[in-house]
Amino acid sequence: RSGNGGKVRGFFQGGSTRVLDELGARIPEGVRALLAVPGLGPRTLGRLYRELGVTSAADLRRVLESGAAARLPGFGERKARQLLEALEQVERQGDRIPLGYALPVAEALAAELEKLPGVERVAVAGDLRRGRETVAGVELVAAAEDAEGVADAVAALPPVEEVLARDPAKVSVRVEGGLRVELRIVPPDAFVPALHHATGSAAHIARLRQRARQLGLEVDERGIYRRSADGGAEEFLPVPDEAALYRHLGLGYIPPELREDRGEIEAAERGRLPRLVETADLRGDLHVHSRWSDGAASIREMAEAARARGYRYLAICDHSRSLRVAHGLEIEDLRAQWREIEELNRHYAEAGIPFRILRGAEVDILKDGGLDYPDEILAELDIVVASVHSHLRLDRAAMTERLLAAMENPHVDVIGHPTGRRLGIRDAYEVDLDAVIEAASRSGTVLEINASPERLDLGEEAARKAAERGVMLCIDTDAHAPGQLAQVVLGVTVARRAWLEPAHILNALDLPDLEAWLRLPKGERARRGPGSVGKSGDSPPPGR
C-alpha cells in the first residue's frame, strides 16, 4: 500500500517521512504539515504554496472554498471538492490517532519502561486499553517505589522529544511523531486500583462509585475501602487484581473493552456478561493477499506465517480483474493460482500437516451491484469476499442498492470492509447500514470486521447491531504481507467492544465446521444463524 495512507502511517510511527525530509529545506513547516491531508501530494502542495501562497490549513480552506484552487490549470472543481472533503476529515479527527498506530508505540514504550531499575510493572491504560478506535494519546501506569527516579529516567529515553508536564507521581511527554504520552507512577501495592481507575471510562467509573456507596464502600484510584462511622479511618479491602475489585462490588469481572456504561454493569449483575472472543479463538484468516495481486509475499510465505500463528486455514483472496491498480487477476491467472494452491495443499496433506489453503478472491462489486467474475467462476471458489473499491461517491440510495444486489448473489459469502472507511484518511461512503445489516441477516451473508489499522470496518456499533440481528461476522486482516497477520488483534478488539463471542465469528470455526457451513445454501445459513455449526452454538446474542 502506498500514497497518503503510507505517509500518515510513517509520520505517526516515526515522526518523519521521506517526502517530508526531502521537502524540509525548501518548504516551510506549516506547509509540510498539510501533507497529512489525504490526496494532497508534494507536487500539488508545492503549486498551492508557490502560486496561491498556501502556508496553513486556513489558507488551504480559503483557496478551495473560493474557487481559486479550482481555476489553476489542471486542477479543476472536482479535485478541489475532494481536497476540501479530505481537509474536513482531518479537521474532524483533530489530534486523535488510530488505535493501530498508537498501540505499537504504547507497547514499545511499556517494554522500555519495564527495563528501568526499580520499575516492577507497566501497563497500558485509558482509551487505548479499552480499545477505542482512535485515541488522543497514550496513558501508561507503572509500579515503582521511587517515582521521581523513574520520572527522571523516562525523560531521558531516546523516543522522548519534550517533557510537557511533571509532578511527583506523573510525567507527560511528547515522543517522536508528536504522540503525547502520560505516565502515572504509583507504589506497587496501589498498581491495580490505579490501573483500573486510569482505564476508565469516566462513565463506567462513576457508576461503580455509585454502586460502592450503596454498599457502604468507596472506590477510587487508591482502591476500594470502607470508612469508619465517624468518616475518619479507612479500611482498605484486598485488591490483588481487577476481578477482586469487581467482586467486592458484587459483580463479575468486566473486561476493559466493555467499560463504557453501555449495559455492562447490569449484565454483570445478572451474570450475563458475554464470553468475549479472543485472538486464540480464531482458527484462520479468510481475507489475505499474495504476490499474485498487490501483496508482498508468495502464497506459501503467507501460509507458513499463518501456520506459525497456529492457524488451520488461510483464504487467499487476491483482487479481481477490474482493480487494475492492484494488479487484479484475470480468469486465466486465477485458474493458475488455483493450481499453485492445489500443489501446496497436496504438500501439506502428504506431510500430515493439518492446514489448508482456501481458494478465495476479493471480488469487486461493480457500480451496478454486479460482480467482477461470472457466477461459474465464483462457484468454483471456496470462499468469495465481495468489496467496493470504486465509485465511492455514489449517493446513499445507489450505494445501498449496490451492496444489497451483491448480497443477493448466492456465491457471495462475505462483504469485505463494508463501509469503505479509512481512519484518518477517508470517511465511510454514504450507505444505509441498517438496510445492509438486514439484508445480510436475510441472505445469510457474512459481514467482515477488517482488522487493517486504517480500516477497523465494520466498527463496533454496527458489528454489535449485526450480531443482534443474527448476522455472522468474520475477523480478517486483509494482510498484504506475513507480518500483517498479527494485526488481527485490532479486529478482535473491535469485536470485543461489540460484545461478540466466538459463536458470532465465522473464522472461529474449525476447518471441518467452516467447510460444512460454506457448503450450506445461503438461505439455510440465514435460517440457522451464528453458532449453528461447531462447538459454541449456545452463545446468546451480544448484550442479552
Protein backbone atom coordinates (compact mmCIF):
# COMPACT_ATOMS: atom_id res chain seq x y z
CA ARG A 1 0.00 0.00 0.00
CA SER A 2 1.29 3.46 -0.73
CA GLY A 3 0.11 7.04 -1.08
CA ASN A 4 -1.08 9.34 1.70
CA GLY A 5 -2.01 6.42 3.95
CA GLY A 6 1.63 5.38 3.93
CA LYS A 7 2.76 8.95 4.63
CA VAL A 8 0.38 9.23 7.58
CA ARG A 9 1.49 5.87 8.96
CA GLY A 10 5.14 6.83 8.59
CA PHE A 11 4.54 10.14 10.33
CA PHE A 12 2.72 8.54 13.26
CA GLN A 13 5.26 5.80 13.68
CA GLY A 14 8.48 7.71 13.19
CA GLY A 15 7.83 11.42 13.19
CA SER A 16 9.06 11.76 9.63
CA THR A 17 8.65 10.50 6.08
CA ARG A 18 10.95 10.51 3.09
CA VAL A 19 8.75 13.12 1.40
CA LEU A 20 8.83 15.40 4.44
CA ASP A 21 12.57 15.10 4.73
CA GLU A 22 13.07 15.95 1.06
CA LEU A 23 10.82 18.98 1.33
CA GLY A 24 12.29 20.16 4.61
CA ALA A 25 14.86 22.54 3.20
CA ARG A 26 12.54 24.07 0.60
CA ILE A 27 9.08 24.50 2.13
CA PRO A 28 8.05 26.00 5.50
CA GLU A 29 6.96 23.70 8.35
CA GLY A 30 3.34 24.83 8.19
CA VAL A 31 3.12 23.85 4.55
CA ARG A 32 4.75 20.46 5.11
CA ALA A 33 2.16 19.67 7.78
CA LEU A 34 -0.51 19.82 5.07
CA LEU A 35 0.86 16.60 3.54
CA ALA A 36 -1.26 14.80 6.14
CA VAL A 37 -4.34 15.79 4.10
CA PRO A 38 -5.27 12.70 2.05
CA GLY A 39 -4.89 13.29 -1.67
CA LEU A 40 -2.59 16.28 -1.26
CA GLY A 41 0.78 15.18 -2.61
CA PRO A 42 4.02 17.19 -2.62
CA ARG A 43 3.66 18.34 -6.24
CA THR A 44 0.14 19.72 -5.74
CA LEU A 45 1.07 21.21 -2.39
CA GLY A 46 4.09 22.89 -3.95
CA ARG A 47 1.87 24.53 -6.59
CA LEU A 48 -0.60 25.78 -3.98
CA TYR A 49 2.28 27.20 -1.96
CA ARG A 50 4.05 28.89 -4.85
CA GLU A 51 1.06 30.10 -6.88
CA LEU A 52 -1.57 30.82 -4.19
CA GLY A 53 0.53 31.38 -1.07
CA VAL A 54 -0.95 28.50 0.90
CA THR A 55 1.01 28.13 4.16
CA SER A 56 -1.62 26.77 6.58
CA ALA A 57 -4.82 24.76 6.82
CA ALA A 58 -6.79 28.02 6.94
CA ASP A 59 -5.14 29.15 3.69
CA LEU A 60 -5.91 25.81 2.09
CA ARG A 61 -9.57 26.01 3.06
CA ARG A 62 -9.76 29.58 1.71
CA VAL A 63 -8.41 28.75 -1.76
CA LEU A 64 -10.53 25.61 -2.02
CA GLU A 65 -13.77 27.31 -0.97
CA SER A 66 -13.19 30.45 -3.06
CA GLY A 67 -12.55 28.54 -6.28
CA ALA A 68 -9.01 29.90 -6.60
CA ALA A 69 -7.51 26.40 -6.49
CA ALA A 70 -10.04 25.04 -8.99
CA ARG A 71 -9.02 27.72 -11.50
CA LEU A 72 -5.41 26.56 -11.56
CA PRO A 73 -4.56 24.78 -14.86
CA GLY A 74 -5.08 21.04 -14.49
CA PHE A 75 -6.72 21.35 -11.09
CA GLY A 76 -10.48 21.65 -11.60
CA GLU A 77 -13.57 21.76 -9.39
CA ARG A 78 -13.69 18.02 -8.78
CA LYS A 79 -10.18 17.87 -7.31
CA ALA A 80 -10.86 20.99 -5.24
CA ARG A 81 -14.02 19.45 -3.83
CA GLN A 82 -12.23 16.19 -2.98
CA LEU A 83 -9.41 18.04 -1.21
CA LEU A 84 -11.89 20.13 0.78
CA GLU A 85 -13.63 16.96 1.94
CA ALA A 86 -10.26 15.44 2.88
CA LEU A 87 -9.31 18.58 4.83
CA GLU A 88 -12.60 18.44 6.72
CA GLN A 89 -11.94 14.79 7.53
CA VAL A 90 -8.53 15.66 9.02
CA GLU A 91 -10.02 18.56 10.99
CA ARG A 92 -12.81 16.37 12.39
CA GLN A 93 -10.32 13.81 13.56
CA GLY A 94 -8.18 16.51 15.15
CA ASP A 95 -5.21 15.12 17.04
CA ARG A 96 -6.73 11.67 17.52
CA ILE A 97 -4.67 8.78 16.22
CA PRO A 98 -5.99 5.39 15.05
CA LEU A 99 -5.70 2.55 17.54
CA GLY A 100 -3.50 0.51 15.23
CA TYR A 101 -0.83 3.21 15.08
CA ALA A 102 -0.87 4.22 18.76
CA LEU A 103 -0.91 0.71 20.23
CA PRO A 104 2.52 -0.41 18.94
CA VAL A 105 4.04 2.83 20.25
CA ALA A 106 2.43 2.29 23.66
CA GLU A 107 3.53 -1.35 23.87
CA ALA A 108 7.09 -0.48 22.85
CA LEU A 109 7.25 2.28 25.47
CA ALA A 110 5.84 -0.03 28.14
CA ALA A 111 8.51 -2.61 27.31
CA GLU A 112 11.24 0.03 27.60
CA LEU A 113 9.87 1.29 30.91
CA GLU A 114 9.82 -2.20 32.39
CA LYS A 115 13.57 -2.38 31.82
CA LEU A 116 14.20 0.67 34.03
CA PRO A 117 15.67 -0.01 37.50
CA GLY A 118 13.01 -0.10 40.19
CA VAL A 119 10.05 -0.50 37.83
CA GLU A 120 8.05 -3.61 38.71
CA ARG A 121 5.11 -3.43 36.30
CA VAL A 122 3.87 -1.28 33.45
CA ALA A 123 0.50 -1.43 31.71
CA VAL A 124 -1.35 0.47 29.02
CA ALA A 125 -4.42 2.31 30.33
CA GLY A 126 -7.05 4.79 29.15
CA ASP A 127 -8.81 4.73 25.79
CA LEU A 128 -6.09 2.54 24.36
CA ARG A 129 -6.64 -0.24 26.88
CA ARG A 130 -10.38 -0.10 26.26
CA GLY A 131 -9.66 -0.43 22.56
CA ARG A 132 -11.27 2.74 21.24
CA GLU A 133 -10.66 3.07 17.52
CA THR A 134 -8.90 6.44 17.87
CA VAL A 135 -7.06 7.92 20.85
CA ALA A 136 -5.81 11.37 21.82
CA GLY A 137 -2.64 9.95 23.34
CA VAL A 138 -1.11 7.12 25.32
CA GLU A 139 -1.73 6.54 29.03
CA LEU A 140 0.55 4.22 30.98
CA VAL A 141 0.65 3.17 34.63
CA ALA A 142 3.89 2.00 36.24
CA ALA A 143 4.53 0.41 39.63
CA ALA A 144 7.69 1.68 41.34
CA GLU A 145 8.75 2.84 44.78
CA ASP A 146 10.97 5.68 43.50
CA ALA A 147 8.55 7.71 41.39
CA GLU A 148 10.91 10.65 40.97
CA GLY A 149 13.77 8.46 39.80
CA VAL A 150 11.53 6.76 37.25
CA ALA A 151 10.29 10.14 36.00
CA ASP A 152 13.90 11.27 35.51
CA ALA A 153 14.67 8.09 33.57
CA VAL A 154 11.58 8.47 31.38
CA ALA A 155 12.56 12.00 30.38
CA ALA A 156 15.90 10.65 29.17
CA LEU A 157 14.51 7.85 26.98
CA PRO A 158 15.52 8.19 23.29
CA PRO A 159 11.96 8.50 21.86
CA VAL A 160 11.11 11.41 24.18
CA GLU A 161 11.37 14.78 22.46
CA GLU A 162 9.84 17.06 25.11
CA VAL A 163 8.67 16.92 28.72
CA LEU A 164 5.28 18.64 28.78
CA ALA A 165 4.43 18.41 32.47
CA ARG A 166 5.68 16.74 35.60
CA ASP A 167 4.73 16.26 39.23
CA PRO A 168 5.90 13.74 41.87
CA ALA A 169 3.74 10.88 40.54
CA LYS A 170 3.08 11.75 36.91
CA VAL A 171 5.02 12.81 33.84
CA SER A 172 3.68 13.84 30.43
CA VAL A 173 5.98 13.75 27.42
CA ARG A 174 5.83 14.09 23.67
CA VAL A 175 7.58 11.35 21.73
CA GLU A 176 8.77 11.13 18.14
CA GLY A 177 5.85 11.60 15.78
CA GLY A 178 4.13 14.07 18.10
CA LEU A 179 2.27 11.49 20.19
CA ARG A 180 1.54 12.60 23.75
CA VAL A 181 2.27 10.04 26.49
CA GLU A 182 1.17 10.35 30.11
CA LEU A 183 2.76 8.07 32.70
CA ARG A 184 1.39 7.64 36.23
CA ILE A 185 3.83 6.18 38.73
CA VAL A 186 2.34 4.53 41.80
CA PRO A 187 3.58 2.31 44.65
CA PRO A 188 3.38 -1.39 43.75
CA ASP A 189 0.54 -2.08 46.20
CA ALA A 190 -1.57 0.63 44.51
CA PHE A 191 -0.96 -0.57 40.95
CA VAL A 192 -4.22 -2.50 40.41
CA PRO A 193 -6.65 0.21 41.56
CA ALA A 194 -4.61 2.89 39.80
CA LEU A 195 -4.69 0.92 36.55
CA HIS A 196 -8.42 0.32 36.90
CA HIS A 197 -9.12 3.99 37.52
CA ALA A 198 -6.86 5.16 34.68
CA THR A 199 -8.51 2.72 32.28
CA GLY A 200 -11.95 4.32 32.70
CA SER A 201 -14.24 5.14 31.10
CA ALA A 202 -15.34 8.06 33.28
CA ALA A 203 -18.97 6.98 32.93
CA HIS A 204 -18.14 3.41 33.99
CA ILE A 205 -16.12 4.59 37.00
CA ALA A 206 -18.94 6.92 38.05
CA ARG A 207 -21.42 4.03 38.01
CA LEU A 208 -19.06 1.90 40.11
CA ARG A 209 -18.68 4.68 42.66
CA GLN A 210 -22.44 4.99 42.90
CA ARG A 211 -22.77 1.25 43.42
CA ALA A 212 -19.99 1.23 46.02
CA ARG A 213 -21.73 3.91 48.07
CA GLN A 214 -24.92 1.87 48.05
CA LEU A 215 -22.86 -0.91 49.63
CA GLY A 216 -21.26 1.40 52.18
CA LEU A 217 -17.96 1.48 50.29
CA GLU A 218 -15.81 3.95 48.41
CA VAL A 219 -13.76 3.27 45.29
CA ASP A 220 -11.11 5.49 43.73
CA GLU A 221 -7.60 5.30 42.28
CA ARG A 222 -6.24 4.21 45.69
CA GLY A 223 -8.50 1.18 45.96
CA ILE A 224 -11.81 0.11 47.47
CA TYR A 225 -12.38 0.83 51.14
CA ARG A 226 -14.90 1.28 53.95
CA ARG A 227 -14.93 4.44 56.07
CA SER A 228 -15.41 4.32 59.83
CA ALA A 229 -18.72 5.54 61.25
CA ASP A 230 -17.24 8.97 62.00
CA GLY A 231 -15.91 9.24 58.44
CA GLY A 232 -12.31 9.11 59.60
CA ALA A 233 -10.29 5.89 59.35
CA GLU A 234 -10.36 3.91 56.12
CA GLU A 235 -10.35 0.11 55.92
CA PHE A 236 -8.99 -0.94 52.54
CA LEU A 237 -10.16 -4.24 51.09
CA PRO A 238 -7.63 -6.51 49.35
CA VAL A 239 -7.47 -5.98 45.58
CA PRO A 240 -4.85 -8.37 44.16
CA ASP A 241 -6.38 -7.96 40.72
CA GLU A 242 -9.23 -6.16 39.00
CA ALA A 243 -11.52 -9.17 39.33
CA ALA A 244 -11.31 -8.78 43.12
CA LEU A 245 -12.37 -5.14 42.87
CA TYR A 246 -15.49 -6.14 40.95
CA ARG A 247 -16.21 -9.00 43.38
CA HIS A 248 -16.24 -6.56 46.27
CA LEU A 249 -19.00 -4.73 44.39
CA GLY A 250 -20.99 -7.91 43.77
CA LEU A 251 -20.13 -8.01 40.09
CA GLY A 252 -18.40 -10.37 37.72
CA TYR A 253 -15.17 -9.18 36.13
CA ILE A 254 -15.88 -6.66 33.37
CA PRO A 255 -13.23 -6.67 30.61
CA PRO A 256 -11.75 -3.27 29.73
CA GLU A 257 -13.36 -3.20 26.27
CA LEU A 258 -16.84 -3.21 27.82
CA ARG A 259 -16.27 -0.43 30.37
CA GLU A 260 -18.35 2.24 28.63
CA ASP A 261 -21.58 2.27 30.69
CA ARG A 262 -23.48 0.59 27.87
CA GLY A 263 -25.19 -2.10 29.89
CA GLU A 264 -22.12 -3.95 31.15
CA ILE A 265 -22.84 -3.33 34.85
CA GLU A 266 -26.41 -4.61 34.56
CA ALA A 267 -25.15 -7.64 32.62
CA ALA A 268 -22.52 -8.30 35.30
CA GLU A 269 -25.21 -8.11 38.00
CA ARG A 270 -27.26 -10.80 36.22
CA GLY A 271 -24.25 -12.96 35.39
CA ARG A 272 -24.92 -12.35 31.68
CA LEU A 273 -21.64 -10.87 30.53
CA PRO A 274 -20.53 -12.44 27.24
CA ARG A 275 -17.53 -14.72 26.94
CA LEU A 276 -15.78 -12.30 24.60
CA VAL A 277 -13.95 -13.61 21.57
CA GLU A 278 -10.16 -13.78 21.92
CA THR A 279 -7.39 -13.94 19.37
CA ALA A 280 -6.75 -17.54 20.43
CA ASP A 281 -10.31 -18.47 19.36
CA LEU A 282 -9.58 -17.78 15.70
CA ARG A 283 -8.69 -20.77 13.55
CA GLY A 284 -7.71 -18.92 10.40
CA ASP A 285 -7.87 -15.76 8.33
CA LEU A 286 -10.41 -15.53 5.50
CA HIS A 287 -9.07 -12.49 3.62
CA VAL A 288 -5.39 -12.10 2.77
CA HIS A 289 -3.48 -11.18 -0.38
CA SER A 290 -0.41 -12.57 -2.09
CA ARG A 291 2.09 -11.50 -4.70
CA TRP A 292 -0.39 -12.65 -7.35
CA SER A 293 -2.09 -9.24 -6.96
CA ASP A 294 -0.79 -6.45 -4.74
CA GLY A 295 0.64 -8.49 -1.88
CA ALA A 296 4.31 -8.58 -0.91
CA ALA A 297 4.72 -12.33 -0.38
CA SER A 298 4.08 -15.65 -2.07
CA ILE A 299 1.14 -17.85 -1.18
CA ARG A 300 3.49 -20.27 0.54
CA GLU A 301 5.05 -17.48 2.62
CA MET A 302 1.61 -16.30 3.70
CA ALA A 303 0.57 -19.85 4.53
CA GLU A 304 3.68 -20.52 6.59
CA ALA A 305 3.12 -17.30 8.52
CA ALA A 306 -0.45 -18.41 9.21
CA ARG A 307 0.77 -21.81 10.38
CA ALA A 308 3.25 -20.11 12.70
CA ARG A 309 0.27 -18.40 14.35
CA GLY A 310 -1.36 -21.77 14.95
CA TYR A 311 -3.99 -21.33 12.23
CA ARG A 312 -5.54 -24.32 10.48
CA TYR A 313 -6.57 -22.50 7.31
CA LEU A 314 -5.98 -19.39 5.24
CA ALA A 315 -8.05 -17.94 2.41
CA ILE A 316 -6.06 -16.34 -0.40
CA CYS A 317 -8.32 -13.56 -1.67
CA ASP A 318 -6.41 -11.63 -4.28
CA HIS A 319 -8.08 -8.78 -6.15
CA SER A 320 -10.28 -9.36 -9.18
CA ARG A 321 -9.61 -8.17 -12.70
CA SER A 322 -11.25 -4.73 -12.71
CA LEU A 323 -8.99 -3.41 -9.93
CA ARG A 324 -6.06 -2.85 -12.25
CA VAL A 325 -4.23 -0.58 -9.82
CA ALA A 326 -3.90 -3.62 -7.52
CA HIS A 327 -2.95 -5.98 -10.36
CA GLY A 328 -6.31 -7.76 -10.23
CA LEU A 329 -6.32 -11.29 -11.62
CA GLU A 330 -7.81 -12.22 -14.97
CA ILE A 331 -9.67 -15.54 -15.02
CA GLU A 332 -6.73 -17.43 -16.53
CA ASP A 333 -4.49 -16.04 -13.76
CA LEU A 334 -6.99 -17.12 -11.15
CA ARG A 335 -7.02 -20.67 -12.50
CA ALA A 336 -3.21 -20.73 -12.47
CA GLN A 337 -3.32 -19.61 -8.85
CA TRP A 338 -5.69 -22.46 -8.05
CA ARG A 339 -3.12 -24.93 -9.41
CA GLU A 340 -0.46 -23.48 -7.09
CA ILE A 341 -2.84 -23.71 -4.12
CA GLU A 342 -3.66 -27.32 -5.03
CA GLU A 343 0.04 -28.22 -5.09
CA LEU A 344 0.63 -26.60 -1.71
CA ASN A 345 -2.38 -28.34 -0.17
CA ARG A 346 -1.12 -31.66 -1.55
CA HIS A 347 2.23 -30.99 0.12
CA TYR A 348 0.59 -30.30 3.49
CA ALA A 349 -1.61 -33.40 3.21
CA GLU A 350 1.29 -35.70 2.29
CA ALA A 351 3.35 -34.28 5.17
CA GLY A 352 0.48 -34.86 7.60
CA ILE A 353 0.24 -31.13 8.35
CA PRO A 354 -3.29 -30.13 9.44
CA PHE A 355 -3.53 -26.98 7.35
CA ARG A 356 -5.44 -25.97 4.26
CA ILE A 357 -5.28 -23.02 1.88
CA LEU A 358 -8.71 -21.98 0.65
CA ARG A 359 -9.27 -20.77 -2.89
CA GLY A 360 -10.77 -17.33 -2.50
CA ALA A 361 -11.00 -13.97 -4.19
CA GLU A 362 -11.74 -10.42 -3.16
CA VAL A 363 -14.18 -9.70 -5.97
CA ASP A 364 -15.04 -6.13 -6.83
CA ILE A 365 -18.66 -5.10 -6.53
CA LEU A 366 -19.25 -3.14 -9.71
CA LYS A 367 -21.15 0.13 -9.88
CA ASP A 368 -24.46 -1.62 -10.67
CA GLY A 369 -24.07 -4.25 -7.94
CA GLY A 370 -22.82 -6.92 -10.31
CA LEU A 371 -19.64 -8.84 -9.62
CA ASP A 372 -16.28 -8.76 -11.37
CA TYR A 373 -16.24 -12.52 -12.12
CA PRO A 374 -19.07 -14.56 -13.66
CA ASP A 375 -21.09 -16.91 -11.48
CA GLU A 376 -19.48 -20.03 -12.96
CA ILE A 377 -16.08 -18.84 -11.71
CA LEU A 378 -17.43 -17.76 -8.30
CA ALA A 379 -18.99 -21.22 -7.89
CA GLU A 380 -15.54 -22.81 -8.09
CA LEU A 381 -14.11 -20.74 -5.25
CA ASP A 382 -14.06 -21.98 -1.65
CA ILE A 383 -14.95 -18.50 -0.39
CA VAL A 384 -15.92 -15.22 -2.06
CA VAL A 385 -15.26 -11.87 -0.38
CA ALA A 386 -17.05 -9.08 -2.26
CA SER A 387 -15.89 -5.50 -1.72
CA VAL A 388 -16.38 -1.97 -3.01
CA HIS A 389 -13.21 -0.29 -4.29
CA SER A 390 -14.52 2.13 -6.92
CA HIS A 391 -17.28 4.72 -7.44
CA LEU A 392 -17.13 5.57 -3.74
CA ARG A 393 -19.15 8.76 -4.17
CA LEU A 394 -22.45 7.21 -5.19
CA ASP A 395 -25.44 8.62 -3.35
CA ARG A 396 -26.82 6.76 -0.34
CA ALA A 397 -29.63 5.00 -2.21
CA ALA A 398 -27.42 3.88 -5.09
CA MET A 399 -24.63 2.61 -2.82
CA THR A 400 -27.12 0.75 -0.64
CA GLU A 401 -28.73 -0.94 -3.65
CA ARG A 402 -25.27 -1.81 -4.93
CA LEU A 403 -24.37 -3.69 -1.75
CA LEU A 404 -27.78 -5.33 -1.45
CA ALA A 405 -27.55 -6.61 -5.01
CA ALA A 406 -24.17 -8.18 -4.27
CA MET A 407 -25.50 -9.88 -1.14
CA GLU A 408 -28.31 -11.46 -3.12
CA ASN A 409 -25.76 -13.33 -5.23
CA PRO A 410 -25.76 -16.94 -3.98
CA HIS A 411 -21.96 -17.17 -4.29
CA VAL A 412 -21.05 -14.11 -2.19
CA ASP A 413 -20.06 -15.34 1.26
CA VAL A 414 -18.60 -12.18 2.82
CA ILE A 415 -18.87 -8.43 2.32
CA GLY A 416 -15.38 -7.02 2.87
CA HIS A 417 -14.77 -3.73 4.75
CA PRO A 418 -18.49 -2.91 4.39
CA THR A 419 -18.39 0.89 4.80
CA GLY A 420 -15.18 1.63 2.89
CA ARG A 421 -13.80 3.94 5.56
CA ARG A 422 -10.10 4.51 6.19
CA LEU A 423 -9.49 6.03 9.59
CA GLY A 424 -8.00 9.48 9.38
CA ILE A 425 -7.89 9.23 5.59
CA ARG A 426 -11.39 8.74 4.21
CA ASP A 427 -14.90 8.77 5.65
CA ALA A 428 -17.25 5.85 5.06
CA TYR A 429 -19.19 6.08 1.84
CA GLU A 430 -22.86 7.02 2.07
CA VAL A 431 -24.85 3.85 2.75
CA ASP A 432 -27.89 2.72 4.74
CA LEU A 433 -26.04 0.41 7.10
CA ASP A 434 -29.24 -0.76 8.79
CA ALA A 435 -30.51 -1.95 5.41
CA VAL A 436 -27.19 -3.70 4.73
CA ILE A 437 -27.37 -5.49 8.10
CA GLU A 438 -30.96 -6.51 7.47
CA ALA A 439 -30.05 -7.85 4.03
CA ALA A 440 -27.09 -9.76 5.47
CA SER A 441 -29.40 -11.34 8.04
CA ARG A 442 -31.97 -12.25 5.40
CA SER A 443 -29.50 -13.59 2.83
CA GLY A 444 -27.03 -15.38 5.10
CA THR A 445 -24.14 -13.12 4.05
CA VAL A 446 -21.23 -12.63 6.44
CA LEU A 447 -20.05 -9.11 7.27
CA GLU A 448 -16.35 -8.56 7.78
CA ILE A 449 -14.56 -6.82 10.62
CA ASN A 450 -11.50 -5.78 8.68
CA ALA A 451 -8.56 -5.53 11.09
CA SER A 452 -6.33 -3.37 8.90
CA PRO A 453 -5.19 -0.46 11.14
CA GLU A 454 -6.61 2.11 8.75
CA ARG A 455 -9.99 0.39 8.41
CA LEU A 456 -11.40 -1.38 11.51
CA ASP A 457 -14.51 -1.84 9.37
CA LEU A 458 -17.16 -2.78 10.47
CA GLY A 459 -16.95 -0.57 13.52
CA GLU A 460 -18.10 -1.73 16.94
CA GLU A 461 -21.64 -0.29 16.90
CA ALA A 462 -22.53 -1.79 13.53
CA ALA A 463 -20.90 -5.10 14.44
CA ARG A 464 -22.94 -5.36 17.63
CA LYS A 465 -26.14 -4.49 15.79
CA ALA A 466 -25.34 -7.07 13.12
CA ALA A 467 -24.81 -9.84 15.67
CA GLU A 468 -28.07 -8.92 17.40
CA ARG A 469 -29.81 -9.39 14.04
CA GLY A 470 -28.32 -12.87 13.71
CA VAL A 471 -25.62 -11.95 11.20
CA MET A 472 -22.41 -13.97 11.22
CA LEU A 473 -19.21 -11.91 11.18
CA CYS A 474 -15.60 -12.72 10.41
CA ILE A 475 -12.40 -11.05 11.63
CA ASP A 476 -9.88 -10.75 8.80
CA THR A 477 -6.62 -8.86 8.45
CA ASP A 478 -6.69 -8.10 4.71
CA ALA A 479 -2.96 -8.79 5.13
CA HIS A 480 -0.68 -7.98 2.21
CA ALA A 481 2.46 -9.27 3.96
CA PRO A 482 3.15 -12.02 6.52
CA GLY A 483 3.75 -9.64 9.42
CA GLN A 484 0.34 -8.07 8.95
CA LEU A 485 -1.40 -11.24 10.10
CA ALA A 486 -0.63 -10.08 13.65
CA GLN A 487 -2.93 -7.10 13.12
CA VAL A 488 -5.84 -9.46 13.77
CA VAL A 489 -5.65 -8.28 17.40
CA LEU A 490 -7.13 -4.96 16.27
CA GLY A 491 -10.13 -6.67 14.71
CA VAL A 492 -10.58 -8.81 17.81
CA THR A 493 -10.60 -5.61 19.86
CA VAL A 494 -13.43 -4.22 17.72
CA ALA A 495 -15.33 -7.48 18.14
CA ARG A 496 -14.86 -7.44 21.91
CA ARG A 497 -16.14 -3.87 22.13
CA ALA A 498 -19.13 -5.12 20.12
CA TRP A 499 -19.81 -7.78 22.80
CA LEU A 500 -19.12 -10.60 20.33
CA GLU A 501 -18.48 -14.19 21.33
CA PRO A 502 -16.74 -16.96 19.37
CA ALA A 503 -20.13 -18.21 18.14
CA HIS A 504 -20.63 -14.96 16.24
CA ILE A 505 -17.33 -15.29 14.33
CA LEU A 506 -17.08 -17.45 11.21
CA ASN A 507 -13.33 -17.98 11.41
CA ALA A 508 -13.59 -19.20 14.99
CA LEU A 509 -14.87 -22.44 13.46
CA ASP A 510 -12.53 -25.37 12.99
CA LEU A 511 -11.87 -26.25 9.36
CA PRO A 512 -14.41 -29.11 9.03
CA ASP A 513 -17.14 -26.93 10.56
CA LEU A 514 -16.18 -23.98 8.36
CA GLU A 515 -16.30 -26.11 5.23
CA ALA A 516 -19.66 -27.56 6.27
CA TRP A 517 -21.02 -24.05 6.84
CA LEU A 518 -19.75 -22.83 3.47
CA ARG A 519 -21.41 -25.77 1.73
CA LEU A 520 -24.81 -24.75 3.07
CA PRO A 521 -27.02 -22.74 0.70
CA LYS A 522 -27.08 -19.13 1.86
CA GLY A 523 -30.75 -19.32 2.72
CA GLU A 524 -30.04 -22.21 5.06
CA ARG A 525 -27.21 -20.28 6.70
CA ALA A 526 -29.61 -17.41 7.33
CA ARG A 527 -32.16 -19.72 8.94
CA ARG A 528 -29.58 -21.35 11.19
CA GLY A 529 -27.74 -18.17 12.15
CA PRO A 530 -24.49 -17.83 14.13
CA GLY A 531 -23.44 -20.79 16.23
CA SER A 532 -25.35 -23.32 14.14
CA VAL A 533 -22.16 -25.18 13.24
CA GLY A 534 -19.36 -26.05 15.63
CA LYS A 535 -18.99 -26.27 19.37
CA SER A 536 -20.04 -22.81 20.51
CA GLY A 537 -23.66 -22.65 19.38
CA ASP A 538 -25.28 -21.79 22.72
CA SER A 539 -23.97 -18.25 22.98
CA PRO A 540 -26.67 -15.60 23.33
CA PRO A 541 -26.82 -12.51 21.12
CA PRO A 542 -24.40 -9.84 22.35
CA GLY A 543 -25.58 -7.91 25.38
CA ARG A 544 -28.55 -10.15 26.03
